[in-house]
């Protein structure tokens, strides 16, 4: 009987070891040094996340996507973009090859607030003065991004992916380098997977276009839609390492996928403290 219980315990332990997040390690060493072998993020600048909400049936959304490309050209790696297909314009056409909607996309749009019009986006999930909610019209994106870039990051983020093309397994190591004490009660870490370069139907001002190139598509999340709680105390100088695992579907083109990681607050205040992005496959 004891052997049987031991066998069941080992099986259960192996099962839960395959869950998305693996127990973290906390050290005082700096990422990028010989002791950690991780990415050198000591000089990382403020990086801002813009979450665009879009849909293939949205005639005005290509203008928003073009504006994001312009902003990415200006800010480079300091701006991280994701396009979330959710809401009334997101259902695919009968002739569409893909359905870009996701369950986490639906959860996120409800979490940050249903937009009143399109193009629309949320910048660092922050409610800026003079705005009714988190959703922002296209004309406000550039100014609020610039505003957020002036803030020094409270935490810096390093991401090291290891993708196995043979079985689609993706291991992700995330390093957090805390710059100043973060005293908020609910601090979380979020990981998204996006894909670019997907050609499919999109409604444009010139009509329905079958070979429109979709970029930064939210494909899925490694964490919960609103992030996984970070239980550790986040004091300045702490280096925190967390490991995650995800299975990449065969229909995604791994070479076109990005991993977006960000530290965000939970509860009523949803502010994103820092974001970063890396290629899934180098």
C-alpha atoms as a PDB file:
ATOM      1  CA  UNK A   1       0.000   0.000   0.000  1.00  0.00           C
ATOM      2  CA  UNK A   2       2.846   2.381   0.852  1.00  0.00           C
ATOM      3  CA  UNK A   3       4.510   1.687  -2.485  1.00  0.00           C
ATOM      4  CA  UNK A   4       1.220   2.331  -4.295  1.00  0.00           C
ATOM      5  CA  UNK A   5       0.759   5.706  -2.571  1.00  0.00           C
ATOM      6  CA  UNK A   6       4.389   6.585  -3.339  1.00  0.00           C
ATOM      7  CA  UNK A   7       3.840   5.735  -7.006  1.00  0.00           C
ATOM      8  CA  UNK A   8       0.726   7.942  -7.166  1.00  0.00           C
ATOM      9  CA  UNK A   9       2.609  10.766  -5.479  1.00  0.00           C
ATOM     10  CA  UNK A  10       5.404  10.597  -8.064  1.00  0.00           C
ATOM     11  CA  UNK A  11       2.896  10.627 -10.942  1.00  0.00           C
ATOM     12  CA  UNK A  12       1.085  13.655  -9.504  1.00  0.00           C
ATOM     13  CA  UNK A  13       4.384  15.425  -8.930  1.00  0.00           C
ATOM     14  CA  UNK A  14       5.379  14.871 -12.548  1.00  0.00           C
ATOM     15  CA  UNK A  15       2.004  16.187 -13.733  1.00  0.00           C
ATOM     16  CA  UNK A  16       2.150  19.412 -11.757  1.00  0.00           C
ATOM     17  CA  UNK A  17       5.756  19.991 -12.799  1.00  0.00           C
ATOM     18  CA  UNK A  18       4.409  20.550 -16.313  1.00  0.00           C
ATOM     19  CA  UNK A  19       2.297  23.538 -15.298  1.00  0.00           C
ATOM     20  CA  UNK A  20       3.001  26.959 -16.733  1.00  0.00           C
ATOM     21  CA  UNK A  21       4.981  28.531 -13.903  1.00  0.00           C
ATOM     22  CA  UNK A  22       7.868  26.966 -12.031  1.00  0.00           C
ATOM     23  CA  UNK A  23       8.962  28.088  -8.579  1.00  0.00           C
ATOM     24  CA  UNK A  24      11.187  31.199  -8.710  1.00  0.00           C
ATOM     25  CA  UNK A  25      14.650  31.773  -7.356  1.00  0.00           C
ATOM     26  CA  UNK A  26      15.663  34.978  -5.616  1.00  0.00           C
ATOM     27  CA  UNK A  27      19.271  36.155  -5.628  1.00  0.00           C
ATOM     28  CA  UNK A  28      21.273  39.287  -5.072  1.00  0.00           C
ATOM     29  CA  UNK A  29      23.400  38.894  -8.204  1.00  0.00           C
ATOM     30  CA  UNK A  30      23.007  41.044 -11.275  1.00  0.00           C
ATOM     31  CA  UNK A  31      21.560  39.581 -14.494  1.00  0.00           C
ATOM     32  CA  UNK A  32      24.104  39.319 -17.235  1.00  0.00           C
ATOM     33  CA  UNK A  33      26.989  38.588 -14.878  1.00  0.00           C
ATOM     34  CA  UNK A  34      28.944  35.299 -14.932  1.00  0.00           C
ATOM     35  CA  UNK A  35      26.977  34.002 -11.933  1.00  0.00           C
ATOM     36  CA  UNK A  36      23.590  34.032 -13.645  1.00  0.00           C
ATOM     37  CA  UNK A  37      24.292  33.732 -17.360  1.00  0.00           C
ATOM     38  CA  UNK A  38      21.071  35.640 -17.974  1.00  0.00           C
ATOM     39  CA  UNK A  39      20.466  38.692 -20.165  1.00  0.00           C
ATOM     40  CA  UNK A  40      22.235  41.922 -19.335  1.00  0.00           C
ATOM     41  CA  UNK A  41      19.368  44.259 -18.454  1.00  0.00           C
ATOM     42  CA  UNK A  42      21.238  46.587 -16.130  1.00  0.00           C
ATOM     43  CA  UNK A  43      21.014  49.430 -18.675  1.00  0.00           C
ATOM     44  CA  UNK A  44      17.475  48.680 -19.847  1.00  0.00           C
ATOM     45  CA  UNK A  45      15.401  51.805 -20.423  1.00  0.00           C
ATOM     46  CA  UNK A  46      11.713  52.391 -19.820  1.00  0.00           C
ATOM     47  CA  UNK A  47       9.601  50.281 -22.188  1.00  0.00           C
ATOM     48  CA  UNK A  48       5.913  50.961 -22.757  1.00  0.00           C
ATOM     49  CA  UNK A  49       3.175  48.536 -23.799  1.00  0.00           C
ATOM     50  CA  UNK A  50       0.416  49.591 -26.196  1.00  0.00           C
ATOM     51  CA  UNK A  51      -2.501  47.163 -26.526  1.00  0.00           C
ATOM     52  CA  UNK A  52      -4.478  47.850 -29.695  1.00  0.00           C
ATOM     53  CA  UNK A  53      -7.976  46.403 -29.927  1.00  0.00           C
ATOM     54  CA  UNK A  54      -8.954  45.519 -33.453  1.00  0.00           C
ATOM     55  CA  UNK A  55     -10.949  43.218 -35.712  1.00  0.00           C
ATOM     56  CA  UNK A  56     -10.984  42.006 -39.310  1.00  0.00           C
ATOM     57  CA  UNK A  57     -14.409  43.630 -39.838  1.00  0.00           C
ATOM     58  CA  UNK A  58     -13.237  47.034 -38.546  1.00  0.00           C
ATOM     59  CA  UNK A  59     -12.839  49.405 -41.497  1.00  0.00           C
ATOM     60  CA  UNK A  60     -11.004  52.038 -39.427  1.00  0.00           C
ATOM     61  CA  UNK A  61      -8.588  49.662 -37.710  1.00  0.00           C
ATOM     62  CA  UNK A  62      -5.946  49.558 -40.485  1.00  0.00           C
ATOM     63  CA  UNK A  63      -5.357  53.250 -39.769  1.00  0.00           C
ATOM     64  CA  UNK A  64      -4.666  52.390 -36.145  1.00  0.00           C
ATOM     65  CA  UNK A  65      -2.306  49.602 -37.126  1.00  0.00           C
ATOM     66  CA  UNK A  66      -0.422  51.958 -39.444  1.00  0.00           C
ATOM     67  CA  UNK A  67      -0.126  54.516 -36.639  1.00  0.00           C
ATOM     68  CA  UNK A  68       1.386  51.881 -34.373  1.00  0.00           C
ATOM     69  CA  UNK A  69       3.999  51.031 -36.997  1.00  0.00           C
ATOM     70  CA  UNK A  70       4.887  54.725 -37.185  1.00  0.00           C
ATOM     71  CA  UNK A  71       5.232  54.879 -33.401  1.00  0.00           C
ATOM     72  CA  UNK A  72       7.393  51.750 -33.374  1.00  0.00           C
ATOM     73  CA  UNK A  73       9.654  53.370 -35.960  1.00  0.00           C
ATOM     74  CA  UNK A  74      10.052  56.374 -33.654  1.00  0.00           C
ATOM     75  CA  UNK A  75      10.550  54.619 -30.320  1.00  0.00           C
ATOM     76  CA  UNK A  76      12.138  51.321 -31.344  1.00  0.00           C
ATOM     77  CA  UNK A  77      12.422  48.726 -28.588  1.00  0.00           C
ATOM     78  CA  UNK A  78      11.099  51.178 -26.018  1.00  0.00           C
ATOM     79  CA  UNK A  79       7.611  50.599 -27.406  1.00  0.00           C
ATOM     80  CA  UNK A  80       6.038  47.130 -27.308  1.00  0.00           C
ATOM     81  CA  UNK A  81       2.860  46.529 -29.324  1.00  0.00           C
ATOM     82  CA  UNK A  82       0.167  43.873 -29.284  1.00  0.00           C
ATOM     83  CA  UNK A  83      -2.981  43.753 -31.431  1.00  0.00           C
ATOM     84  CA  UNK A  84      -5.884  42.056 -29.685  1.00  0.00           C
ATOM     85  CA  UNK A  85      -8.717  40.841 -31.889  1.00  0.00           C
ATOM     86  CA  UNK A  86     -11.733  41.171 -29.611  1.00  0.00           C
ATOM     87  CA  UNK A  87     -15.099  42.880 -29.611  1.00  0.00           C
ATOM     88  CA  UNK A  88     -17.879  43.281 -32.133  1.00  0.00           C
ATOM     89  CA  UNK A  89     -15.627  43.590 -35.209  1.00  0.00           C
ATOM     90  CA  UNK A  90     -13.430  40.585 -34.439  1.00  0.00           C
ATOM     91  CA  UNK A  91     -15.430  37.622 -35.866  1.00  0.00           C
ATOM     92  CA  UNK A  92     -13.749  36.272 -39.021  1.00  0.00           C
ATOM     93  CA  UNK A  93     -15.341  36.244 -42.456  1.00  0.00           C
ATOM     94  CA  UNK A  94     -16.594  32.979 -43.922  1.00  0.00           C
ATOM     95  CA  UNK A  95     -13.658  33.043 -46.322  1.00  0.00           C
ATOM     96  CA  UNK A  96     -11.074  33.906 -43.637  1.00  0.00           C
ATOM     97  CA  UNK A  97      -8.246  31.440 -43.142  1.00  0.00           C
ATOM     98  CA  UNK A  98      -7.828  32.237 -39.458  1.00  0.00           C
ATOM     99  CA  UNK A  99      -9.844  33.240 -36.437  1.00  0.00           C
ATOM    100  CA  UNK A 100      -7.636  35.668 -34.530  1.00  0.00           C
ATOM    101  CA  UNK A 101      -9.940  35.798 -31.518  1.00  0.00           C
ATOM    102  CA  UNK A 102      -8.775  34.262 -28.241  1.00  0.00           C
ATOM    103  CA  UNK A 103     -10.437  33.647 -24.908  1.00  0.00           C
ATOM    104  CA  UNK A 104      -7.765  35.736 -23.166  1.00  0.00           C
ATOM    105  CA  UNK A 105      -8.369  38.552 -25.652  1.00  0.00           C
ATOM    106  CA  UNK A 106     -12.030  38.593 -24.660  1.00  0.00           C
ATOM    107  CA  UNK A 107     -11.028  38.620 -20.998  1.00  0.00           C
ATOM    108  CA  UNK A 108      -8.573  41.480 -21.499  1.00  0.00           C
ATOM    109  CA  UNK A 109     -11.030  43.734 -23.362  1.00  0.00           C
ATOM    110  CA  UNK A 110     -13.544  43.255 -20.557  1.00  0.00           C
ATOM    111  CA  UNK A 111     -10.827  43.824 -17.967  1.00  0.00           C
ATOM    112  CA  UNK A 112      -9.594  47.147 -19.372  1.00  0.00           C
ATOM    113  CA  UNK A 113     -13.001  48.322 -20.628  1.00  0.00           C
ATOM    114  CA  UNK A 114     -15.049  47.991 -23.808  1.00  0.00           C
ATOM    115  CA  UNK A 115     -14.069  50.757 -26.277  1.00  0.00           C
ATOM    116  CA  UNK A 116     -16.581  53.308 -27.513  1.00  0.00           C
ATOM    117  CA  UNK A 117     -15.035  53.489 -30.973  1.00  0.00           C
ATOM    118  CA  UNK A 118     -12.155  52.360 -33.166  1.00  0.00           C
ATOM    119  CA  UNK A 119      -9.180  52.721 -33.612  1.00  0.00           C
ATOM    120  CA  UNK A 120      -8.581  52.319 -29.899  1.00  0.00           C
ATOM    121  CA  UNK A 121      -5.739  51.258 -27.636  1.00  0.00           C
ATOM    122  CA  UNK A 122      -4.647  51.138 -24.020  1.00  0.00           C
ATOM    123  CA  UNK A 123      -1.229  52.514 -23.053  1.00  0.00           C
ATOM    124  CA  UNK A 124       0.368  50.786 -20.055  1.00  0.00           C
ATOM    125  CA  UNK A 125      -3.184  50.147 -18.785  1.00  0.00           C
ATOM    126  CA  UNK A 126      -3.016  53.551 -17.156  1.00  0.00           C
ATOM    127  CA  UNK A 127      -5.947  55.901 -16.671  1.00  0.00           C
ATOM    128  CA  UNK A 128      -4.587  59.255 -17.755  1.00  0.00           C
ATOM    129  CA  UNK A 129      -5.937  62.557 -16.485  1.00  0.00           C
ATOM    130  CA  UNK A 130      -8.804  63.861 -18.574  1.00  0.00           C
ATOM    131  CA  UNK A 131      -9.825  60.446 -19.906  1.00  0.00           C
ATOM    132  CA  UNK A 132     -12.975  58.590 -18.946  1.00  0.00           C
ATOM    133  CA  UNK A 133     -11.337  55.163 -18.937  1.00  0.00           C
ATOM    134  CA  UNK A 134      -8.283  53.271 -20.130  1.00  0.00           C
ATOM    135  CA  UNK A 135      -9.260  53.143 -23.809  1.00  0.00           C
ATOM    136  CA  UNK A 136      -7.705  55.909 -25.901  1.00  0.00           C
ATOM    137  CA  UNK A 137      -8.500  57.193 -29.371  1.00  0.00           C
ATOM    138  CA  UNK A 138      -5.715  57.243 -31.951  1.00  0.00           C
ATOM    139  CA  UNK A 139      -4.997  60.944 -31.478  1.00  0.00           C
ATOM    140  CA  UNK A 140      -3.954  60.385 -27.850  1.00  0.00           C
ATOM    141  CA  UNK A 141      -1.576  57.475 -28.281  1.00  0.00           C
ATOM    142  CA  UNK A 142       1.620  59.359 -29.129  1.00  0.00           C
ATOM    143  CA  UNK A 143       1.341  61.880 -26.296  1.00  0.00           C
ATOM    144  CA  UNK A 144       0.633  59.342 -23.573  1.00  0.00           C
ATOM    145  CA  UNK A 145       3.383  57.013 -24.810  1.00  0.00           C
ATOM    146  CA  UNK A 146       5.840  59.902 -24.630  1.00  0.00           C
ATOM    147  CA  UNK A 147       4.545  60.712 -21.137  1.00  0.00           C
ATOM    148  CA  UNK A 148       5.115  57.140 -19.936  1.00  0.00           C
ATOM    149  CA  UNK A 149       8.607  56.996 -21.431  1.00  0.00           C
ATOM    150  CA  UNK A 150       9.697  59.818 -19.093  1.00  0.00           C
ATOM    151  CA  UNK A 151       9.202  57.576 -16.041  1.00  0.00           C
ATOM    152  CA  UNK A 152      12.181  55.541 -14.829  1.00  0.00           C
ATOM    153  CA  UNK A 153      11.364  51.814 -14.625  1.00  0.00           C
ATOM    154  CA  UNK A 154      10.809  50.439 -11.133  1.00  0.00           C
ATOM    155  CA  UNK A 155      11.808  47.016 -12.405  1.00  0.00           C
ATOM    156  CA  UNK A 156      13.796  45.763 -15.392  1.00  0.00           C
ATOM    157  CA  UNK A 157      12.863  42.572 -17.223  1.00  0.00           C
ATOM    158  CA  UNK A 158      14.992  40.028 -19.031  1.00  0.00           C
ATOM    159  CA  UNK A 159      13.550  37.156 -21.076  1.00  0.00           C
ATOM    160  CA  UNK A 160      15.384  34.071 -22.318  1.00  0.00           C
ATOM    161  CA  UNK A 161      13.302  31.672 -24.452  1.00  0.00           C
ATOM    162  CA  UNK A 162      14.224  28.132 -25.434  1.00  0.00           C
ATOM    163  CA  UNK A 163      12.035  26.735 -28.195  1.00  0.00           C
ATOM    164  CA  UNK A 164      12.022  23.117 -29.336  1.00  0.00           C
ATOM    165  CA  UNK A 165      10.758  23.020 -32.923  1.00  0.00           C
ATOM    166  CA  UNK A 166      10.419  19.242 -32.852  1.00  0.00           C
ATOM    167  CA  UNK A 167       7.659  19.201 -30.240  1.00  0.00           C
ATOM    168  CA  UNK A 168       6.605  22.857 -29.974  1.00  0.00           C
ATOM    169  CA  UNK A 169       7.730  23.148 -26.360  1.00  0.00           C
ATOM    170  CA  UNK A 170       8.687  26.642 -25.214  1.00  0.00           C
ATOM    171  CA  UNK A 171      10.585  27.247 -21.986  1.00  0.00           C
ATOM    172  CA  UNK A 172      10.867  30.848 -20.839  1.00  0.00           C
ATOM    173  CA  UNK A 173      13.127  32.212 -18.132  1.00  0.00           C
ATOM    174  CA  UNK A 174      12.195  35.679 -16.911  1.00  0.00           C
ATOM    175  CA  UNK A 175      14.550  37.746 -14.790  1.00  0.00           C
ATOM    176  CA  UNK A 176      13.269  40.712 -12.790  1.00  0.00           C
ATOM    177  CA  UNK A 177      15.770  43.271 -11.527  1.00  0.00           C
ATOM    178  CA  UNK A 178      14.019  45.486  -8.985  1.00  0.00           C
ATOM    179  CA  UNK A 179      15.186  49.099  -9.197  1.00  0.00           C
ATOM    180  CA  UNK A 180      13.240  50.568  -6.294  1.00  0.00           C
ATOM    181  CA  UNK A 181      10.971  49.214  -3.596  1.00  0.00           C
ATOM    182  CA  UNK A 182       7.581  48.213  -5.000  1.00  0.00           C
ATOM    183  CA  UNK A 183       5.182  48.412  -2.078  1.00  0.00           C
ATOM    184  CA  UNK A 184       1.888  47.766  -3.888  1.00  0.00           C
ATOM    185  CA  UNK A 185      -0.202  44.947  -2.453  1.00  0.00           C
ATOM    186  CA  UNK A 186      -0.877  43.190  -5.780  1.00  0.00           C
ATOM    187  CA  UNK A 187       2.029  42.976  -8.234  1.00  0.00           C
ATOM    188  CA  UNK A 188       1.873  40.519 -11.132  1.00  0.00           C
ATOM    189  CA  UNK A 189       3.854  39.205 -14.066  1.00  0.00           C
ATOM    190  CA  UNK A 190       2.234  38.670 -17.464  1.00  0.00           C
ATOM    191  CA  UNK A 191       3.509  36.857 -20.555  1.00  0.00           C
ATOM    192  CA  UNK A 192       1.953  37.118 -24.014  1.00  0.00           C
ATOM    193  CA  UNK A 193       2.756  35.395 -27.300  1.00  0.00           C
ATOM    194  CA  UNK A 194       2.223  37.409 -30.489  1.00  0.00           C
ATOM    195  CA  UNK A 195       2.661  36.631 -34.165  1.00  0.00           C
ATOM    196  CA  UNK A 196       3.262  38.929 -37.131  1.00  0.00           C
ATOM    197  CA  UNK A 197       3.269  38.512 -40.894  1.00  0.00           C
ATOM    198  CA  UNK A 198      -0.035  36.639 -41.141  1.00  0.00           C
ATOM    199  CA  UNK A 199      -1.888  37.357 -44.380  1.00  0.00           C
ATOM    200  CA  UNK A 200      -5.672  37.105 -44.262  1.00  0.00           C
ATOM    201  CA  UNK A 201      -8.843  39.080 -44.842  1.00  0.00           C
ATOM    202  CA  UNK A 202      -9.325  42.572 -43.424  1.00  0.00           C
ATOM    203  CA  UNK A 203     -11.923  45.212 -44.141  1.00  0.00           C
ATOM    204  CA  UNK A 204     -10.255  48.424 -45.321  1.00  0.00           C
ATOM    205  CA  UNK A 205     -11.562  51.749 -46.675  1.00  0.00           C
ATOM    206  CA  UNK A 206     -10.977  50.255 -50.148  1.00  0.00           C
ATOM    207  CA  UNK A 207     -13.031  47.157 -49.377  1.00  0.00           C
ATOM    208  CA  UNK A 208     -12.347  43.654 -48.118  1.00  0.00           C
ATOM    209  CA  UNK A 209      -8.687  42.774 -48.700  1.00  0.00           C
ATOM    210  CA  UNK A 210      -7.712  39.097 -48.797  1.00  0.00           C
ATOM    211  CA  UNK A 211      -3.945  39.477 -48.459  1.00  0.00           C
ATOM    212  CA  UNK A 212      -3.788  42.053 -45.676  1.00  0.00           C
ATOM    213  CA  UNK A 213      -0.727  41.571 -43.441  1.00  0.00           C
ATOM    214  CA  UNK A 214      -1.695  41.314 -39.774  1.00  0.00           C
ATOM    215  CA  UNK A 215       0.986  42.169 -37.205  1.00  0.00           C
ATOM    216  CA  UNK A 216       1.479  41.761 -33.455  1.00  0.00           C
ATOM    217  CA  UNK A 217      -1.537  39.430 -33.178  1.00  0.00           C
ATOM    218  CA  UNK A 218      -2.184  38.204 -29.644  1.00  0.00           C
ATOM    219  CA  UNK A 219      -2.036  34.426 -30.029  1.00  0.00           C
ATOM    220  CA  UNK A 220      -2.150  33.392 -26.392  1.00  0.00           C
ATOM    221  CA  UNK A 221      -0.909  34.001 -22.871  1.00  0.00           C
ATOM    222  CA  UNK A 222       1.457  31.921 -20.807  1.00  0.00           C
ATOM    223  CA  UNK A 223       0.102  33.452 -17.605  1.00  0.00           C
ATOM    224  CA  UNK A 224      -3.425  34.327 -16.535  1.00  0.00           C
ATOM    225  CA  UNK A 225      -5.003  37.091 -18.644  1.00  0.00           C
ATOM    226  CA  UNK A 226      -4.395  39.591 -15.816  1.00  0.00           C
ATOM    227  CA  UNK A 227      -1.043  38.135 -14.819  1.00  0.00           C
ATOM    228  CA  UNK A 228       0.254  35.783 -12.145  1.00  0.00           C
ATOM    229  CA  UNK A 229       0.717  37.206  -8.665  1.00  0.00           C
ATOM    230  CA  UNK A 230       4.322  37.773  -7.579  1.00  0.00           C
ATOM    231  CA  UNK A 231       4.318  36.750  -3.909  1.00  0.00           C
ATOM    232  CA  UNK A 232       7.920  37.745  -3.212  1.00  0.00           C
ATOM    233  CA  UNK A 233       8.831  41.048  -1.558  1.00  0.00           C
ATOM    234  CA  UNK A 234      10.119  43.386  -4.257  1.00  0.00           C
ATOM    235  CA  UNK A 235      12.834  45.516  -2.669  1.00  0.00           C
ATOM    236  CA  UNK A 236      15.468  47.474  -4.567  1.00  0.00           C
ATOM    237  CA  UNK A 237      18.449  45.375  -5.626  1.00  0.00           C
ATOM    238  CA  UNK A 238      16.586  42.071  -5.676  1.00  0.00           C
ATOM    239  CA  UNK A 239      16.962  39.777  -8.676  1.00  0.00           C
ATOM    240  CA  UNK A 240      14.042  37.416  -9.126  1.00  0.00           C
ATOM    241  CA  UNK A 241      14.002  34.585 -11.665  1.00  0.00           C
ATOM    242  CA  UNK A 242      10.822  32.804 -12.795  1.00  0.00           C
ATOM    243  CA  UNK A 243      10.432  29.964 -15.268  1.00  0.00           C
ATOM    244  CA  UNK A 244       7.446  29.220 -17.493  1.00  0.00           C
ATOM    245  CA  UNK A 245       6.467  26.601 -20.025  1.00  0.00           C
ATOM    246  CA  UNK A 246       4.100  26.800 -23.001  1.00  0.00           C
ATOM    247  CA  UNK A 247       3.156  24.589 -25.953  1.00  0.00           C
ATOM    248  CA  UNK A 248       3.196  26.371 -29.335  1.00  0.00           C
ATOM    249  CA  UNK A 249       0.497  25.175 -31.795  1.00  0.00           C
ATOM    250  CA  UNK A 250       1.809  23.857 -35.110  1.00  0.00           C
ATOM    251  CA  UNK A 251      -0.112  26.463 -37.134  1.00  0.00           C
ATOM    252  CA  UNK A 252       1.855  29.341 -35.605  1.00  0.00           C
ATOM    253  CA  UNK A 253       5.039  30.325 -37.434  1.00  0.00           C
ATOM    254  CA  UNK A 254       7.560  30.290 -34.599  1.00  0.00           C
ATOM    255  CA  UNK A 255      10.038  32.523 -36.430  1.00  0.00           C
ATOM    256  CA  UNK A 256       7.371  35.255 -36.574  1.00  0.00           C
ATOM    257  CA  UNK A 257       6.403  35.024 -32.906  1.00  0.00           C
ATOM    258  CA  UNK A 258       7.381  37.338 -30.065  1.00  0.00           C
ATOM    259  CA  UNK A 259       7.268  36.922 -26.313  1.00  0.00           C
ATOM    260  CA  UNK A 260       6.011  39.968 -24.429  1.00  0.00           C
ATOM    261  CA  UNK A 261       6.644  40.105 -20.690  1.00  0.00           C
ATOM    262  CA  UNK A 262       5.462  42.835 -18.364  1.00  0.00           C
ATOM    263  CA  UNK A 263       5.057  43.573 -14.676  1.00  0.00           C
ATOM    264  CA  UNK A 264       1.647  44.987 -13.838  1.00  0.00           C
ATOM    265  CA  UNK A 265      -0.498  45.863 -10.864  1.00  0.00           C
ATOM    266  CA  UNK A 266      -3.694  43.972 -10.112  1.00  0.00           C
ATOM    267  CA  UNK A 267      -7.012  45.098  -8.729  1.00  0.00           C
ATOM    268  CA  UNK A 268      -8.515  48.477  -9.552  1.00  0.00           C
ATOM    269  CA  UNK A 269      -5.122  49.920 -10.498  1.00  0.00           C
ATOM    270  CA  UNK A 270      -3.885  48.036 -13.533  1.00  0.00           C
ATOM    271  CA  UNK A 271      -0.764  50.080 -14.340  1.00  0.00           C
ATOM    272  CA  UNK A 272       2.074  48.359 -16.172  1.00  0.00           C
ATOM    273  CA  UNK A 273       5.406  49.149 -14.520  1.00  0.00           C
ATOM    274  CA  UNK A 274       7.666  47.832 -17.287  1.00  0.00           C
ATOM    275  CA  UNK A 275       7.386  45.736 -20.440  1.00  0.00           C
ATOM    276  CA  UNK A 276       9.801  44.046 -22.802  1.00  0.00           C
ATOM    277  CA  UNK A 277       9.740  41.890 -25.929  1.00  0.00           C
ATOM    278  CA  UNK A 278      12.017  39.248 -27.444  1.00  0.00           C
ATOM    279  CA  UNK A 279      11.895  37.021 -30.500  1.00  0.00           C
ATOM    280  CA  UNK A 280      10.762  33.520 -29.668  1.00  0.00           C
ATOM    281  CA  UNK A 281      13.337  32.161 -32.124  1.00  0.00           C
ATOM    282  CA  UNK A 282      16.576  34.046 -32.712  1.00  0.00           C
END
